[in-house]
Amino acid sequence: MASSTSQSGPSTDYPDHIDGAVLKVAGVVVLGAIMSILDITVVNVALPTFQRVFGHGSEELPYSQVAWTVTGYTLALATVIPLTGWAADRFGTKRLYVTAILLFTAGSGLCATAWSINALIGFRVLQGLGGGMLMPLGMTILTRAAGPHRMGRLMAILGVPMLLGPIMGPILGGWLIQIASWHWIFLINVPLGIAAAVYAWFVLEKDAPEPSESLDVVGMLLMSPGLALFLYGVSSLPSHGGDVSNPHVWVPALVGLALMATFVWWSFKPKHPLLDLRLLANRNLALSLITMFLFASAFFGGLLLVPTYFQQVRGESTLHAGLLVAPQGLGAMMTMPIAGRLSDRVPIGRIVPVGLLLIIIGMFGLTQITDTTPYPAIIVMLVVMGWGMGATMMPIMTTALRNLKPHEVARGSTLLNINQQIASSVGVATMSVVLTNNLKDSPVIPGTEGVPGFPDGIVETTAAILKNTQPLLFAKLDLDPAAVAKGMSSAAEAFAHTYWVAWVVIVLAMIPALMLPRKKEQAPTQSNERDENAPPVVIP
């Protein structure tokens, strides 16, 4: 490995096209990113299965509780991302990358052995600790290898796992659950992880780490617990009847906010902070982070709901639900390569607002969804949202990193990745809380009080969901068909109301997006002078 000084010189030293050397490294990076991102969407389609499998007797677990299998994973990603730059500096890129893959693979194998929802959440956190290092480390390496003038095309390459995740994840997850069991959505990662580790071992060159930074221990102890406590408090709302004044809700949330606020104050003090918030002085990076946070929290939080709607409201199997979600990924596949090429020629401020507008249009359709909405209409909505996603995510990343100085790219990519993961965690937690509260806000069917497994009675929405997810149990309950039909309509309405929340957040994302550069950006010239405070950036 070489330090960043080996890449000194003007940007014209790089070939104008994406050459074979970059593509060879891109293969390693993309494979690792696919493992990390695919696992999020694979699990999305399994959430109703987790509700049933890990439930108590005939009573299913709350949606907000099983959603922690996603929130815990993305939260672990966010926790470990800031440590990636320091760890790469301390241990070397190759060793860190292979270790991350093996940790992710071990976590996957343990997930398949989970005996309770809490055990599964714990193993998902372990899995996320490995997966979180893959994307930012790979992004930094490829950005350095390709140079700023090829950033748009580079981001299109990194967009491959972003495309495959929404397309293949739900389908693969649904298929494995249907033909085998939920255990296989995790076991499938074991051979893939071993293959990825071997590939990385032979493709990446030998490490020559040159440690130059100390770990910001104080920052780590402030940010990670702060974020975890805040999300825990928010996610506890449904189990306490939506009562914000309950100490189990506001105490951890308030302590978490206090820790995160202290972290922001502390970050400007050490020479090498865990997160370099000084980079927010760069206007493009600051606007990109705000836009990305709002976009990711709404889009990925909303994405979680789609397969669940198909299974619980429309009675589809896990496989069919996965197939019905795939058009969204196909839509992204159509626009992401185009957006990547345009990002090198057209100002980002003229691309991102168009993408967000498409998401706004598609998501507005989902706010009108019912239990009888024709599937072709839903598919059109998902495709339009996919178009918007493809025209939004990669251009935002492009403008965020393009104007940074060479030694700032690693720090900037760390900020960008952790921002996206925190946004996804917040979005998933928020949307699951809103959906759970909406589903609970339904009348109890008279005469069901004291039914085994339902001491407080069966609400209409629960009865409707049981009809689609546990037909044998539903048949034994002999419930009023009129109440069940009303519950089915109410359940669909709960999903629609939750999408209204996501829609409002996407509309808010348009504000900073309209402030992104509307003129051609000039990438900073590479310099032979290296910032003495910057960590050595290792490249293949």
Protein backbone atom coordinates (compact mmCIF):
# COMPACT_ATOMS: atom_id res chain seq x y z
CA MET A 1 0.00 0.00 0.00
CA ALA A 2 1.16 3.53 -0.57
CA SER A 3 0.42 6.75 1.12
CA SER A 4 -1.42 9.58 -0.51
CA THR A 5 1.84 11.20 -1.50
CA SER A 6 2.15 8.64 -4.23
CA GLN A 7 -0.77 10.25 -5.94
CA SER A 8 0.53 13.77 -5.89
CA GLY A 9 0.46 15.74 -9.03
CA PRO A 10 -2.29 17.29 -11.12
CA SER A 11 -5.53 15.53 -11.73
CA THR A 12 -4.52 15.05 -15.34
CA ASP A 13 -2.21 12.26 -14.15
CA TYR A 14 -5.30 10.08 -14.05
CA PRO A 15 -6.63 8.60 -17.31
CA ASP A 16 -9.97 10.03 -18.39
CA HIS A 17 -11.63 6.61 -18.44
CA ILE A 18 -12.18 4.08 -15.65
CA ASP A 19 -9.16 1.85 -16.29
CA GLY A 20 -8.50 -1.79 -15.47
CA ALA A 21 -6.63 -1.06 -12.25
CA VAL A 22 -9.63 0.78 -10.82
CA LEU A 23 -12.04 -1.88 -12.04
CA LYS A 24 -10.02 -4.61 -10.34
CA VAL A 25 -10.26 -2.82 -7.00
CA ALA A 26 -13.89 -1.91 -7.71
CA GLY A 27 -14.71 -5.62 -7.93
CA VAL A 28 -13.52 -6.11 -4.35
CA VAL A 29 -15.32 -3.02 -3.07
CA VAL A 30 -18.60 -3.76 -4.84
CA LEU A 31 -18.67 -7.34 -3.59
CA GLY A 32 -18.20 -6.17 -0.02
CA ALA A 33 -20.82 -3.45 -0.40
CA ILE A 34 -23.30 -5.92 -1.90
CA MET A 35 -22.93 -8.13 1.16
CA SER A 36 -23.59 -5.23 3.50
CA ILE A 37 -26.46 -3.57 1.62
CA LEU A 38 -28.16 -6.74 0.35
CA ASP A 39 -28.50 -7.96 3.92
CA ILE A 40 -30.67 -4.96 4.85
CA THR A 41 -33.25 -5.56 2.12
CA VAL A 42 -33.16 -9.35 2.57
CA VAL A 43 -34.26 -8.92 6.17
CA ASN A 44 -36.96 -6.35 5.30
CA VAL A 45 -39.17 -9.02 3.75
CA ALA A 46 -38.67 -11.31 6.76
CA LEU A 47 -40.03 -8.95 9.43
CA PRO A 48 -43.57 -10.42 9.43
CA THR A 49 -41.98 -13.86 9.75
CA PHE A 50 -40.00 -12.68 12.79
CA GLN A 51 -43.20 -11.29 14.32
CA ARG A 52 -44.76 -14.74 14.08
CA VAL A 53 -41.79 -17.02 14.81
CA PHE A 54 -40.54 -15.14 17.87
CA GLY A 55 -44.00 -14.25 19.19
CA HIS A 56 -45.45 -15.53 22.44
CA GLY A 57 -47.82 -18.34 21.63
CA SER A 58 -50.43 -17.07 19.19
CA GLU A 59 -49.64 -13.39 19.87
CA GLU A 60 -47.27 -11.80 17.37
CA LEU A 61 -44.50 -9.42 18.41
CA PRO A 62 -45.06 -5.70 17.74
CA TYR A 63 -43.73 -4.51 14.41
CA SER A 64 -41.63 -1.86 16.14
CA GLN A 65 -39.82 -4.57 18.13
CA VAL A 66 -38.84 -6.78 15.19
CA ALA A 67 -37.85 -3.64 13.25
CA TRP A 68 -34.89 -3.47 15.63
CA THR A 69 -33.34 -6.28 13.59
CA VAL A 70 -32.94 -3.60 10.91
CA THR A 71 -32.37 -0.62 13.22
CA GLY A 72 -29.75 -2.48 15.27
CA TYR A 73 -27.87 -3.45 12.11
CA THR A 74 -27.83 0.06 10.64
CA LEU A 75 -27.01 1.52 14.05
CA ALA A 76 -23.99 -0.76 14.28
CA LEU A 77 -22.96 0.38 10.82
CA ALA A 78 -23.14 4.00 11.94
CA THR A 79 -21.19 3.23 15.13
CA VAL A 80 -18.23 1.61 13.44
CA ILE A 81 -17.93 3.90 10.40
CA PRO A 82 -16.07 6.71 12.27
CA LEU A 83 -13.51 4.17 13.49
CA THR A 84 -12.75 2.98 9.96
CA GLY A 85 -10.27 5.74 9.07
CA TRP A 86 -8.31 5.31 12.31
CA ALA A 87 -8.36 1.51 12.03
CA ALA A 88 -7.15 1.59 8.41
CA ASP A 89 -4.33 3.90 9.47
CA ARG A 90 -3.44 1.68 12.43
CA PHE A 91 -3.81 -1.82 10.95
CA GLY A 92 -3.77 -1.37 7.17
CA THR A 93 -6.50 -1.51 4.55
CA LYS A 94 -6.13 -5.12 3.49
CA ARG A 95 -6.16 -6.54 6.98
CA LEU A 96 -9.05 -4.31 8.02
CA TYR A 97 -11.11 -5.18 4.94
CA VAL A 98 -10.63 -8.94 5.28
CA THR A 99 -11.31 -8.74 9.03
CA ALA A 100 -14.53 -6.81 8.39
CA ILE A 101 -15.73 -9.42 5.91
CA LEU A 102 -14.97 -12.26 8.33
CA LEU A 103 -16.72 -10.45 11.21
CA PHE A 104 -19.78 -9.89 9.01
CA THR A 105 -19.74 -13.55 7.97
CA ALA A 106 -19.45 -14.76 11.58
CA GLY A 107 -22.35 -12.50 12.58
CA SER A 108 -24.43 -13.93 9.74
CA GLY A 109 -23.82 -17.48 10.91
CA LEU A 110 -24.77 -16.57 14.49
CA CYS A 111 -27.98 -14.85 13.31
CA ALA A 112 -29.10 -18.17 11.85
CA THR A 113 -28.81 -19.72 15.33
CA ALA A 114 -30.91 -17.04 17.10
CA TRP A 115 -33.38 -18.49 19.62
CA SER A 116 -35.19 -15.23 20.43
CA ILE A 117 -35.74 -11.80 18.95
CA ASN A 118 -33.27 -10.28 21.42
CA ALA A 119 -30.60 -12.78 20.43
CA LEU A 120 -31.24 -12.03 16.76
CA ILE A 121 -30.95 -8.29 17.36
CA GLY A 122 -27.66 -8.82 19.23
CA PHE A 123 -26.19 -10.94 16.44
CA ARG A 124 -27.38 -8.38 13.87
CA VAL A 125 -25.40 -5.74 15.74
CA LEU A 126 -22.29 -7.94 15.50
CA GLN A 127 -22.98 -8.40 11.80
CA GLY A 128 -23.31 -4.64 11.34
CA LEU A 129 -19.99 -3.97 13.07
CA GLY A 130 -18.31 -5.90 10.27
CA GLY A 131 -20.48 -4.58 7.47
CA GLY A 132 -20.08 -0.96 8.52
CA MET A 133 -16.40 -0.80 7.61
CA LEU A 134 -16.82 -2.10 4.08
CA MET A 135 -18.49 0.82 2.27
CA PRO A 136 -16.57 3.86 3.65
CA LEU A 137 -13.22 2.11 3.36
CA GLY A 138 -13.96 1.04 -0.21
CA MET A 139 -15.29 4.50 -1.13
CA THR A 140 -12.12 6.17 0.12
CA ILE A 141 -9.84 3.79 -1.75
CA LEU A 142 -11.72 4.11 -5.04
CA THR A 143 -12.05 7.89 -4.77
CA ARG A 144 -8.30 8.20 -4.38
CA ALA A 145 -7.63 5.75 -7.18
CA ALA A 146 -9.98 7.35 -9.71
CA GLY A 147 -9.43 11.06 -9.04
CA PRO A 148 -12.04 13.82 -8.63
CA HIS A 149 -12.72 14.37 -12.35
CA ARG A 150 -14.08 10.81 -12.68
CA MET A 151 -16.16 10.98 -9.50
CA GLY A 152 -19.54 10.72 -11.22
CA ARG A 153 -18.61 7.54 -13.09
CA LEU A 154 -16.99 6.17 -9.95
CA MET A 155 -20.19 6.71 -7.97
CA ALA A 156 -22.10 4.91 -10.72
CA ILE A 157 -19.86 1.88 -10.07
CA LEU A 158 -20.46 2.12 -6.33
CA GLY A 159 -24.16 2.39 -7.17
CA VAL A 160 -24.22 -1.25 -8.32
CA PRO A 161 -24.89 -2.62 -4.82
CA MET A 162 -27.42 0.15 -4.28
CA LEU A 163 -29.27 -1.23 -7.30
CA LEU A 164 -28.91 -4.92 -6.53
CA GLY A 165 -30.05 -4.49 -2.92
CA PRO A 166 -33.61 -3.27 -3.62
CA ILE A 167 -33.99 -5.71 -6.53
CA MET A 168 -32.43 -8.94 -5.33
CA GLY A 169 -32.76 -8.58 -1.54
CA PRO A 170 -36.54 -8.94 -1.19
CA ILE A 171 -36.69 -11.63 -3.89
CA LEU A 172 -33.84 -13.67 -2.41
CA GLY A 173 -35.20 -13.28 1.13
CA GLY A 174 -38.72 -14.23 0.13
CA TRP A 175 -37.55 -17.22 -1.90
CA LEU A 176 -35.32 -18.59 0.87
CA ILE A 177 -38.04 -18.23 3.52
CA GLN A 178 -40.61 -19.88 1.27
CA ILE A 179 -38.56 -22.90 0.14
CA ALA A 180 -36.50 -23.38 3.32
CA SER A 181 -36.70 -21.20 6.45
CA TRP A 182 -35.77 -17.74 7.71
CA HIS A 183 -32.41 -19.13 8.88
CA TRP A 184 -31.20 -19.29 5.29
CA ILE A 185 -31.39 -15.53 4.71
CA PHE A 186 -28.36 -15.41 7.00
CA LEU A 187 -26.68 -18.73 6.16
CA ILE A 188 -26.44 -17.66 2.51
CA ASN A 189 -23.91 -15.02 3.57
CA VAL A 190 -21.44 -17.57 4.90
CA PRO A 191 -20.12 -18.97 1.57
CA LEU A 192 -20.40 -15.51 -0.01
CA GLY A 193 -18.37 -13.99 2.80
CA ILE A 194 -15.66 -16.63 2.59
CA ALA A 195 -15.38 -16.09 -1.17
CA ALA A 196 -15.20 -12.31 -0.71
CA ALA A 197 -12.45 -12.62 1.91
CA VAL A 198 -10.36 -14.86 -0.36
CA TYR A 199 -10.89 -12.51 -3.32
CA ALA A 200 -9.83 -9.48 -1.26
CA TRP A 201 -6.79 -11.32 0.11
CA PHE A 202 -5.44 -12.01 -3.38
CA VAL A 203 -6.47 -8.75 -5.10
CA LEU A 204 -5.47 -6.14 -2.53
CA GLU A 205 -1.77 -5.53 -2.17
CA LYS A 206 0.22 -6.03 1.01
CA ASP A 207 -0.34 -3.49 3.80
CA ALA A 208 2.23 -0.98 4.96
CA PRO A 209 0.36 0.89 7.72
CA GLU A 210 1.87 4.10 9.11
CA PRO A 211 -0.06 4.98 12.29
CA SER A 212 -0.22 8.75 12.83
CA GLU A 213 -3.44 9.38 14.78
CA SER A 214 -4.71 8.56 18.22
CA LEU A 215 -8.25 7.28 18.67
CA ASP A 216 -10.77 9.84 19.90
CA VAL A 217 -11.99 7.68 22.78
CA VAL A 218 -14.07 10.46 24.35
CA GLY A 219 -15.89 11.09 21.08
CA MET A 220 -16.59 7.39 20.64
CA LEU A 221 -17.97 7.08 24.20
CA LEU A 222 -20.26 10.07 23.62
CA MET A 223 -21.64 9.41 20.13
CA SER A 224 -22.35 5.67 20.09
CA PRO A 225 -24.24 5.42 23.42
CA GLY A 226 -25.98 8.73 22.71
CA LEU A 227 -27.38 7.57 19.40
CA ALA A 228 -28.35 4.15 20.78
CA LEU A 229 -30.17 5.65 23.79
CA PHE A 230 -32.04 8.16 21.65
CA LEU A 231 -33.27 5.51 19.21
CA TYR A 232 -34.16 3.19 22.06
CA GLY A 233 -36.34 5.87 23.63
CA VAL A 234 -38.13 6.60 20.34
CA SER A 235 -38.66 2.91 19.60
CA SER A 236 -40.13 2.36 23.07
CA LEU A 237 -43.14 4.57 22.28
CA PRO A 238 -45.46 1.80 20.97
CA SER A 239 -44.92 -0.49 23.95
CA HIS A 240 -45.96 2.40 26.25
CA GLY A 241 -49.08 3.37 24.35
CA GLY A 242 -47.45 6.27 22.54
CA ASP A 243 -47.06 8.14 25.83
CA VAL A 244 -44.09 10.48 25.39
CA SER A 245 -44.23 11.40 29.10
CA ASN A 246 -43.43 7.82 30.15
CA PRO A 247 -39.97 7.73 31.80
CA HIS A 248 -39.03 4.64 29.77
CA VAL A 249 -39.42 6.82 26.66
CA TRP A 250 -38.21 10.32 27.50
CA VAL A 251 -35.35 9.47 29.87
CA PRO A 252 -33.20 7.47 27.40
CA ALA A 253 -34.17 9.81 24.54
CA LEU A 254 -33.18 12.91 26.53
CA VAL A 255 -29.93 11.37 27.79
CA GLY A 256 -29.12 10.31 24.24
CA LEU A 257 -29.71 13.82 22.89
CA ALA A 258 -27.53 15.27 25.65
CA LEU A 259 -24.68 12.88 24.85
CA MET A 260 -24.90 13.66 21.12
CA ALA A 261 -24.96 17.41 21.81
CA THR A 262 -21.88 17.01 24.00
CA PHE A 263 -20.24 15.02 21.22
CA VAL A 264 -20.78 17.91 18.78
CA TRP A 265 -19.19 20.34 21.28
CA TRP A 266 -16.27 17.98 21.92
CA SER A 267 -15.59 17.30 18.22
CA PHE A 268 -14.02 20.74 17.73
CA LYS A 269 -11.47 20.25 20.50
CA PRO A 270 -9.18 17.26 19.69
CA LYS A 271 -6.61 17.42 16.93
CA HIS A 272 -7.99 14.24 15.38
CA PRO A 273 -11.72 14.02 16.25
CA LEU A 274 -13.79 10.91 15.69
CA LEU A 275 -15.81 12.88 13.16
CA ASP A 276 -14.24 15.97 11.60
CA LEU A 277 -17.17 18.38 11.88
CA ARG A 278 -14.86 21.20 10.78
CA LEU A 279 -15.48 19.99 7.23
CA LEU A 280 -19.03 21.33 7.52
CA ALA A 281 -17.52 24.71 6.65
CA ASN A 282 -17.55 23.34 3.10
CA ARG A 283 -20.96 24.52 1.85
CA ASN A 284 -21.44 21.69 -0.66
CA LEU A 285 -20.67 19.01 1.92
CA ALA A 286 -22.99 20.59 4.52
CA LEU A 287 -25.89 20.88 2.07
CA SER A 288 -25.26 17.35 0.80
CA LEU A 289 -25.36 15.94 4.34
CA ILE A 290 -28.64 17.71 5.14
CA THR A 291 -30.23 16.58 1.88
CA MET A 292 -28.95 13.02 2.32
CA PHE A 293 -30.22 12.79 5.90
CA LEU A 294 -33.76 13.85 5.01
CA PHE A 295 -33.81 11.75 1.84
CA ALA A 296 -32.40 8.57 3.44
CA SER A 297 -34.59 8.72 6.56
CA ALA A 298 -37.77 9.04 4.49
CA PHE A 299 -36.85 6.76 1.59
CA PHE A 300 -35.27 3.86 3.46
CA GLY A 301 -37.70 4.13 6.35
CA GLY A 302 -40.56 3.97 3.85
CA LEU A 303 -38.92 1.20 1.85
CA LEU A 304 -39.16 -1.03 4.92
CA LEU A 305 -42.97 -0.85 4.85
CA VAL A 306 -43.62 -2.02 1.30
CA PRO A 307 -43.02 -5.80 1.61
CA THR A 308 -44.82 -5.78 4.97
CA TYR A 309 -47.87 -4.16 3.36
CA PHE A 310 -47.98 -6.84 0.66
CA GLN A 311 -47.79 -9.65 3.22
CA GLN A 312 -50.01 -8.34 6.01
CA VAL A 313 -52.64 -6.41 4.06
CA ARG A 314 -52.72 -8.21 0.71
CA GLY A 315 -51.89 -11.72 1.93
CA GLU A 316 -48.92 -12.28 -0.39
CA SER A 317 -46.19 -14.82 0.32
CA THR A 318 -42.70 -13.65 1.16
CA LEU A 319 -41.53 -14.51 -2.36
CA HIS A 320 -44.38 -12.67 -4.08
CA ALA A 321 -43.84 -9.67 -1.80
CA GLY A 322 -40.19 -9.61 -2.83
CA LEU A 323 -41.06 -9.79 -6.51
CA LEU A 324 -43.58 -6.97 -6.15
CA VAL A 325 -40.96 -4.72 -4.49
CA ALA A 326 -38.34 -5.39 -7.21
CA PRO A 327 -39.71 -2.79 -9.70
CA GLN A 328 -38.41 -0.05 -7.43
CA GLY A 329 -34.87 -1.34 -7.87
CA LEU A 330 -35.41 -1.72 -11.60
CA GLY A 331 -36.47 1.92 -11.76
CA ALA A 332 -33.25 2.94 -10.01
CA MET A 333 -31.27 0.81 -12.45
CA MET A 334 -32.64 2.89 -15.31
CA THR A 335 -31.62 6.31 -13.94
CA MET A 336 -28.53 5.71 -11.79
CA PRO A 337 -26.04 5.17 -14.65
CA ILE A 338 -27.47 8.20 -16.48
CA ALA A 339 -27.22 10.33 -13.33
CA GLY A 340 -23.65 9.13 -12.80
CA ARG A 341 -22.59 10.26 -16.27
CA LEU A 342 -24.48 13.55 -16.02
CA SER A 343 -22.84 14.30 -12.67
CA ASP A 344 -19.51 14.81 -14.47
CA ARG A 345 -21.08 17.28 -16.92
CA VAL A 346 -24.20 18.87 -15.41
CA PRO A 347 -24.36 20.82 -12.11
CA ILE A 348 -25.67 18.62 -9.29
CA GLY A 349 -28.20 21.27 -8.34
CA ARG A 350 -29.99 20.56 -11.61
CA ILE A 351 -30.11 16.77 -11.10
CA VAL A 352 -30.95 16.09 -7.44
CA PRO A 353 -34.16 18.21 -7.29
CA VAL A 354 -35.52 16.28 -10.27
CA GLY A 355 -34.83 12.99 -8.48
CA LEU A 356 -36.51 14.19 -5.30
CA LEU A 357 -39.51 15.41 -7.28
CA LEU A 358 -39.94 11.92 -8.74
CA ILE A 359 -39.82 10.41 -5.23
CA ILE A 360 -42.37 12.96 -4.03
CA ILE A 361 -44.73 12.00 -6.87
CA GLY A 362 -44.32 8.25 -6.34
CA MET A 363 -44.60 8.42 -2.55
CA PHE A 364 -47.72 10.60 -2.77
CA GLY A 365 -49.34 7.69 -4.59
CA LEU A 366 -48.47 5.42 -1.64
CA THR A 367 -50.19 7.84 0.75
CA GLN A 368 -53.43 7.01 -1.08
CA ILE A 369 -53.00 3.24 -0.81
CA THR A 370 -55.90 1.02 0.31
CA ASP A 371 -56.47 -2.71 0.75
CA THR A 372 -57.80 -2.89 -2.82
CA THR A 373 -55.37 -0.65 -4.71
CA PRO A 374 -54.59 -2.37 -8.06
CA TYR A 375 -51.11 -3.86 -8.20
CA PRO A 376 -50.22 -2.15 -11.52
CA ALA A 377 -50.82 1.22 -9.84
CA ILE A 378 -48.57 0.32 -6.91
CA ILE A 379 -45.86 -0.95 -9.26
CA VAL A 380 -45.94 2.33 -11.20
CA MET A 381 -45.51 4.23 -7.92
CA LEU A 382 -42.52 2.08 -6.96
CA VAL A 383 -40.88 2.48 -10.38
CA VAL A 384 -41.24 6.28 -10.20
CA MET A 385 -39.70 6.25 -6.71
CA GLY A 386 -36.88 4.08 -8.07
CA TRP A 387 -36.25 6.60 -10.85
CA GLY A 388 -35.98 9.29 -8.21
CA MET A 389 -33.67 7.27 -5.98
CA GLY A 390 -31.31 6.59 -8.90
CA ALA A 391 -31.14 10.30 -9.72
CA THR A 392 -30.64 11.40 -6.12
CA MET A 393 -28.23 9.29 -4.07
CA MET A 394 -25.14 9.08 -6.26
CA PRO A 395 -25.20 12.76 -7.37
CA ILE A 396 -25.42 13.84 -3.71
CA MET A 397 -22.36 11.73 -2.87
CA THR A 398 -20.57 13.11 -5.92
CA THR A 399 -20.96 16.77 -4.99
CA ALA A 400 -20.22 16.05 -1.34
CA LEU A 401 -16.74 14.69 -2.08
CA ARG A 402 -15.82 16.45 -5.31
CA ASN A 403 -14.76 19.78 -3.81
CA LEU A 404 -12.81 18.35 -0.89
CA LYS A 405 -9.03 18.49 -0.87
CA PRO A 406 -7.30 15.13 -1.38
CA HIS A 407 -6.48 14.64 2.29
CA GLU A 408 -10.08 15.50 3.26
CA VAL A 409 -11.75 12.82 1.15
CA ALA A 410 -11.42 10.07 3.76
CA ARG A 411 -12.93 12.28 6.46
CA GLY A 412 -15.66 13.50 4.14
CA SER A 413 -16.64 10.00 3.06
CA THR A 414 -16.79 9.01 6.75
CA LEU A 415 -19.19 11.88 7.47
CA LEU A 416 -21.27 11.01 4.41
CA ASN A 417 -21.57 7.32 5.26
CA ILE A 418 -22.34 7.74 8.94
CA ASN A 419 -24.89 10.42 8.09
CA GLN A 420 -26.66 8.02 5.72
CA GLN A 421 -26.65 5.16 8.22
CA ILE A 422 -27.91 7.30 11.09
CA ALA A 423 -30.64 8.64 8.81
CA SER A 424 -31.64 5.10 7.86
CA SER A 425 -31.74 4.09 11.54
CA VAL A 426 -33.84 7.11 12.50
CA GLY A 427 -36.13 6.56 9.51
CA VAL A 428 -36.70 2.88 10.26
CA ALA A 429 -37.32 3.56 13.96
CA THR A 430 -39.68 6.45 13.23
CA MET A 431 -41.70 4.72 10.52
CA SER A 432 -42.05 1.51 12.55
CA VAL A 433 -43.25 3.50 15.57
CA VAL A 434 -45.78 5.45 13.51
CA LEU A 435 -47.05 2.28 11.82
CA THR A 436 -47.34 0.34 15.09
CA ASN A 437 -49.28 3.16 16.74
CA ASN A 438 -51.60 3.46 13.75
CA LEU A 439 -52.27 -0.30 13.76
CA LYS A 440 -53.00 -0.27 17.50
CA ASP A 441 -55.45 2.61 17.10
CA SER A 442 -58.27 0.21 16.18
CA PRO A 443 -61.31 -0.95 18.22
CA VAL A 444 -61.36 -4.32 19.99
CA ILE A 445 -63.72 -6.86 18.47
CA PRO A 446 -66.49 -7.46 21.05
CA GLY A 447 -66.35 -10.87 22.74
CA THR A 448 -62.63 -11.45 22.11
CA GLU A 449 -61.47 -10.34 25.55
CA GLY A 450 -59.65 -13.17 27.29
CA VAL A 451 -58.98 -15.19 24.12
CA PRO A 452 -55.78 -17.24 24.75
CA GLY A 453 -52.83 -15.14 23.68
CA PHE A 454 -54.94 -11.96 23.56
CA PRO A 455 -55.82 -11.03 27.15
CA ASP A 456 -56.96 -7.52 26.17
CA GLY A 457 -58.95 -8.72 23.17
CA ILE A 458 -58.26 -8.77 19.45
CA VAL A 459 -58.32 -5.41 17.68
CA GLU A 460 -59.75 -5.29 14.16
CA THR A 461 -56.41 -4.64 12.45
CA THR A 462 -54.80 -7.60 14.24
CA ALA A 463 -57.65 -9.86 13.12
CA ALA A 464 -57.19 -8.74 9.52
CA ILE A 465 -53.44 -9.35 9.61
CA LEU A 466 -53.93 -12.78 11.22
CA LYS A 467 -56.22 -13.71 8.34
CA ASN A 468 -53.38 -13.14 5.88
CA THR A 469 -50.39 -14.30 7.92
CA GLN A 470 -51.78 -17.10 10.13
CA PRO A 471 -54.88 -18.47 8.36
CA LEU A 472 -55.08 -21.64 10.51
CA LEU A 473 -55.13 -19.68 13.75
CA PHE A 474 -57.58 -17.19 12.27
CA ALA A 475 -59.99 -19.97 11.30
CA LYS A 476 -60.09 -21.23 14.89
CA LEU A 477 -61.03 -17.80 16.26
CA ASP A 478 -64.30 -17.58 14.27
CA LEU A 479 -64.33 -13.78 14.15
CA ASP A 480 -67.02 -11.49 12.75
CA PRO A 481 -66.35 -11.11 8.97
CA ALA A 482 -67.56 -7.50 9.02
CA ALA A 483 -65.09 -6.59 11.76
CA VAL A 484 -62.27 -8.32 9.88
CA ALA A 485 -63.13 -6.47 6.67
CA LYS A 486 -63.14 -3.18 8.56
CA GLY A 487 -59.80 -4.10 10.12
CA MET A 488 -58.30 -4.80 6.70
CA SER A 489 -59.28 -1.33 5.52
CA SER A 490 -57.91 0.21 8.72
CA ALA A 491 -54.61 -1.68 8.37
CA ALA A 492 -54.12 -0.31 4.85
CA GLU A 493 -54.98 3.14 6.15
CA ALA A 494 -52.28 2.77 8.82
CA PHE A 495 -49.67 2.18 6.11
CA ALA A 496 -50.98 5.16 4.11
CA HIS A 497 -50.77 7.45 7.14
CA THR A 498 -47.20 6.34 7.78
CA TYR A 499 -46.29 7.19 4.20
CA TRP A 500 -47.63 10.69 4.77
CA VAL A 501 -44.89 11.15 7.37
CA ALA A 502 -42.24 9.95 4.90
CA TRP A 503 -43.71 12.19 2.18
CA VAL A 504 -43.45 15.32 4.33
CA VAL A 505 -39.79 14.55 5.09
CA ILE A 506 -39.00 14.10 1.38
CA VAL A 507 -40.66 17.44 0.62
CA LEU A 508 -38.44 19.05 3.28
CA ALA A 509 -35.39 17.51 1.57
CA MET A 510 -36.18 19.63 -1.49
CA ILE A 511 -35.22 22.82 0.40
CA PRO A 512 -31.47 22.10 0.80
CA ALA A 513 -31.44 20.30 -2.57
CA LEU A 514 -32.44 23.53 -4.33
CA MET A 515 -29.39 25.17 -2.73
CA LEU A 516 -26.91 22.68 -4.22
CA PRO A 517 -24.51 23.99 -6.93
CA ARG A 518 -26.30 25.05 -10.11
CA LYS A 519 -23.06 25.92 -11.90
CA LYS A 520 -20.24 23.67 -13.05
CA GLU A 521 -18.05 22.63 -10.10
CA GLN A 522 -14.26 22.74 -10.29
CA ALA A 523 -12.47 19.88 -8.53
CA PRO A 524 -9.56 21.04 -6.34
CA THR A 525 -6.11 20.63 -7.82
CA GLN A 526 -4.03 17.90 -6.28
CA SER A 527 -1.01 19.22 -4.45
CA ASN A 528 2.34 17.79 -3.51
CA GLU A 529 1.87 19.32 -0.08
CA ARG A 530 0.24 17.02 2.37
CA ASP A 531 -1.65 18.22 5.44
CA GLU A 532 0.49 17.25 8.40
CA ASN A 533 -2.63 16.64 10.46
CA ALA A 534 -4.23 14.33 7.92
CA PRO A 535 -4.04 10.57 8.25
CA PRO A 536 -2.18 8.73 5.50
CA VAL A 537 -4.74 7.51 3.00
CA VAL A 538 -3.85 4.08 1.76
CA ILE A 539 -4.62 2.98 -1.78
CA PRO A 540 -4.01 -0.19 -3.73
